[in-house]
């Protein structure tokens, strides 16, 4: 089973379920590749149901890990691509919202 399949399967497996130490041990056993790849990433998937942003970022991280392991990309470029994804998901929407607020305040001042 590939890392991406493990991720998809784990998302489905834990969705809406109560988390407990026994359940976590079962998930570690069932999705061992993902756990061994990155315990922190595994914990993020396990701890709460992931939203669309989380899923997008985790998919990017897994993709970059696979490409790095296969020699397609080096660590620096993988980190850059993950950073760009984080920027697209979190920073750019915040800046766009801030610009909207500025425009609203400018229009208020003109009246």
C-alpha atoms as a PDB file:
ATOM      1  CA  UNK A   1       0.000   0.000   0.000  1.00  0.00           C
ATOM      2  CA  UNK A   2       1.418   3.406  -0.906  1.00  0.00           C
ATOM      3  CA  UNK A   3       1.790   6.292   1.519  1.00  0.00           C
ATOM      4  CA  UNK A   4      -0.952   8.223  -0.269  1.00  0.00           C
ATOM      5  CA  UNK A   5      -3.293   5.228  -0.029  1.00  0.00           C
ATOM      6  CA  UNK A   6      -2.442   4.885   3.663  1.00  0.00           C
ATOM      7  CA  UNK A   7      -3.302   8.553   4.120  1.00  0.00           C
ATOM      8  CA  UNK A   8      -6.635   8.254   2.302  1.00  0.00           C
ATOM      9  CA  UNK A   9      -7.511   5.063   4.149  1.00  0.00           C
ATOM     10  CA  UNK A  10      -6.550   6.500   7.523  1.00  0.00           C
ATOM     11  CA  UNK A  11      -8.656   9.609   6.904  1.00  0.00           C
ATOM     12  CA  UNK A  12     -11.667   7.399   6.252  1.00  0.00           C
ATOM     13  CA  UNK A  13     -10.844   5.064   9.121  1.00  0.00           C
ATOM     14  CA  UNK A  14     -10.577   7.713  11.872  1.00  0.00           C
ATOM     15  CA  UNK A  15     -13.256  10.105  10.603  1.00  0.00           C
ATOM     16  CA  UNK A  16     -15.860  10.755  13.265  1.00  0.00           C
ATOM     17  CA  UNK A  17     -14.471   8.144  15.661  1.00  0.00           C
ATOM     18  CA  UNK A  18     -13.579   8.662  19.303  1.00  0.00           C
ATOM     19  CA  UNK A  19      -9.842   8.724  19.818  1.00  0.00           C
ATOM     20  CA  UNK A  20      -8.347   6.580  22.561  1.00  0.00           C
ATOM     21  CA  UNK A  21      -4.910   5.092  23.291  1.00  0.00           C
ATOM     22  CA  UNK A  22      -6.148   1.657  22.210  1.00  0.00           C
ATOM     23  CA  UNK A  23      -7.579   3.071  18.958  1.00  0.00           C
ATOM     24  CA  UNK A  24      -4.313   4.943  18.315  1.00  0.00           C
ATOM     25  CA  UNK A  25      -2.310   1.733  18.757  1.00  0.00           C
ATOM     26  CA  UNK A  26      -4.615   0.028  16.267  1.00  0.00           C
ATOM     27  CA  UNK A  27      -4.105   2.885  13.787  1.00  0.00           C
ATOM     28  CA  UNK A  28      -0.327   2.740  14.249  1.00  0.00           C
ATOM     29  CA  UNK A  29      -0.418  -0.968  13.476  1.00  0.00           C
ATOM     30  CA  UNK A  30      -2.771  -0.562  10.521  1.00  0.00           C
ATOM     31  CA  UNK A  31      -1.045   2.509   9.004  1.00  0.00           C
ATOM     32  CA  UNK A  32       2.523   1.731  10.012  1.00  0.00           C
ATOM     33  CA  UNK A  33       4.159   3.173   6.859  1.00  0.00           C
ATOM     34  CA  UNK A  34       2.575   6.545   7.520  1.00  0.00           C
ATOM     35  CA  UNK A  35       3.536   6.413  11.200  1.00  0.00           C
ATOM     36  CA  UNK A  36       7.147   5.500  10.355  1.00  0.00           C
ATOM     37  CA  UNK A  37       7.367   8.205   7.683  1.00  0.00           C
ATOM     38  CA  UNK A  38       6.445  10.949  10.156  1.00  0.00           C
ATOM     39  CA  UNK A  39       5.057  10.472  13.624  1.00  0.00           C
ATOM     40  CA  UNK A  40       4.082  14.165  13.767  1.00  0.00           C
ATOM     41  CA  UNK A  41       2.141  13.934  10.514  1.00  0.00           C
ATOM     42  CA  UNK A  42       0.478  10.729  11.693  1.00  0.00           C
ATOM     43  CA  UNK A  43      -0.546  12.472  14.926  1.00  0.00           C
ATOM     44  CA  UNK A  44      -2.009  15.413  12.998  1.00  0.00           C
ATOM     45  CA  UNK A  45      -4.170  13.035  10.960  1.00  0.00           C
ATOM     46  CA  UNK A  46      -5.114  11.042  14.055  1.00  0.00           C
ATOM     47  CA  UNK A  47      -5.858  13.868  16.501  1.00  0.00           C
ATOM     48  CA  UNK A  48      -8.771  15.486  14.692  1.00  0.00           C
ATOM     49  CA  UNK A  49     -10.803  15.123  11.552  1.00  0.00           C
ATOM     50  CA  UNK A  50      -8.863  16.936   8.827  1.00  0.00           C
ATOM     51  CA  UNK A  51     -10.482  19.754   6.875  1.00  0.00           C
ATOM     52  CA  UNK A  52      -9.844  20.473   3.191  1.00  0.00           C
ATOM     53  CA  UNK A  53      -6.860  22.720   3.960  1.00  0.00           C
ATOM     54  CA  UNK A  54      -5.238  20.078   6.158  1.00  0.00           C
ATOM     55  CA  UNK A  55      -5.763  17.428   3.485  1.00  0.00           C
ATOM     56  CA  UNK A  56      -4.240  19.623   0.763  1.00  0.00           C
ATOM     57  CA  UNK A  57      -1.157  20.339   2.855  1.00  0.00           C
ATOM     58  CA  UNK A  58      -0.671  16.746   4.009  1.00  0.00           C
ATOM     59  CA  UNK A  59      -1.040  15.479   0.413  1.00  0.00           C
ATOM     60  CA  UNK A  60       1.650  17.953  -0.660  1.00  0.00           C
ATOM     61  CA  UNK A  61       3.953  16.830   2.152  1.00  0.00           C
ATOM     62  CA  UNK A  62       3.521  13.162   1.265  1.00  0.00           C
ATOM     63  CA  UNK A  63       4.050  13.870  -2.436  1.00  0.00           C
ATOM     64  CA  UNK A  64       7.246  15.789  -1.700  1.00  0.00           C
ATOM     65  CA  UNK A  65       8.467  12.986   0.607  1.00  0.00           C
ATOM     66  CA  UNK A  66       7.904  10.386  -2.121  1.00  0.00           C
ATOM     67  CA  UNK A  67       9.617  12.545  -4.753  1.00  0.00           C
ATOM     68  CA  UNK A  68      12.545  13.249  -2.412  1.00  0.00           C
ATOM     69  CA  UNK A  69      12.945   9.549  -1.599  1.00  0.00           C
ATOM     70  CA  UNK A  70      12.911   8.719  -5.326  1.00  0.00           C
ATOM     71  CA  UNK A  71      15.542  11.366  -6.118  1.00  0.00           C
ATOM     72  CA  UNK A  72      13.145  13.452  -8.212  1.00  0.00           C
ATOM     73  CA  UNK A  73      13.531  16.519  -5.990  1.00  0.00           C
ATOM     74  CA  UNK A  74      15.996  17.623  -3.322  1.00  0.00           C
ATOM     75  CA  UNK A  75      15.041  18.616   0.225  1.00  0.00           C
ATOM     76  CA  UNK A  76      15.389  22.353  -0.395  1.00  0.00           C
ATOM     77  CA  UNK A  77      13.033  22.345  -3.382  1.00  0.00           C
ATOM     78  CA  UNK A  78      10.578  20.060  -1.574  1.00  0.00           C
ATOM     79  CA  UNK A  79      10.550  22.481   1.367  1.00  0.00           C
ATOM     80  CA  UNK A  80      10.010  25.412  -1.018  1.00  0.00           C
ATOM     81  CA  UNK A  81       7.016  23.717  -2.631  1.00  0.00           C
ATOM     82  CA  UNK A  82       5.492  22.912   0.749  1.00  0.00           C
ATOM     83  CA  UNK A  83       6.078  26.535   1.782  1.00  0.00           C
ATOM     84  CA  UNK A  84       4.339  27.766  -1.360  1.00  0.00           C
ATOM     85  CA  UNK A  85       1.355  25.536  -0.606  1.00  0.00           C
ATOM     86  CA  UNK A  86       1.178  26.848   2.957  1.00  0.00           C
ATOM     87  CA  UNK A  87       1.350  30.401   1.628  1.00  0.00           C
ATOM     88  CA  UNK A  88      -1.438  29.714  -0.885  1.00  0.00           C
ATOM     89  CA  UNK A  89      -3.655  28.088   1.739  1.00  0.00           C
ATOM     90  CA  UNK A  90      -3.128  30.436   4.695  1.00  0.00           C
ATOM     91  CA  UNK A  91      -1.233  33.641   3.912  1.00  0.00           C
ATOM     92  CA  UNK A  92      -2.740  34.736   0.591  1.00  0.00           C
ATOM     93  CA  UNK A  93      -6.367  34.424   1.795  1.00  0.00           C
ATOM     94  CA  UNK A  94      -5.497  36.454   4.926  1.00  0.00           C
ATOM     95  CA  UNK A  95      -3.839  39.158   2.809  1.00  0.00           C
ATOM     96  CA  UNK A  96      -6.820  39.243   0.447  1.00  0.00           C
ATOM     97  CA  UNK A  97      -9.153  39.658   3.430  1.00  0.00           C
ATOM     98  CA  UNK A  98      -6.960  42.420   4.822  1.00  0.00           C
ATOM     99  CA  UNK A  99      -7.059  44.209   1.439  1.00  0.00           C
ATOM    100  CA  UNK A 100     -10.857  43.982   1.423  1.00  0.00           C
ATOM    101  CA  UNK A 101     -10.979  45.556   4.872  1.00  0.00           C
ATOM    102  CA  UNK A 102      -8.663  48.363   3.715  1.00  0.00           C
ATOM    103  CA  UNK A 103     -10.877  49.029   0.699  1.00  0.00           C
ATOM    104  CA  UNK A 104     -13.981  49.129   2.903  1.00  0.00           C
ATOM    105  CA  UNK A 105     -12.331  51.622   5.239  1.00  0.00           C
ATOM    106  CA  UNK A 106     -11.215  53.816   2.315  1.00  0.00           C
ATOM    107  CA  UNK A 107     -14.754  53.885   0.967  1.00  0.00           C
ATOM    108  CA  UNK A 108     -16.120  54.822   4.413  1.00  0.00           C
ATOM    109  CA  UNK A 109     -13.634  57.690   4.696  1.00  0.00           C
ATOM    110  CA  UNK A 110     -14.688  59.088   1.307  1.00  0.00           C
ATOM    111  CA  UNK A 111     -18.329  59.345   2.365  1.00  0.00           C
END
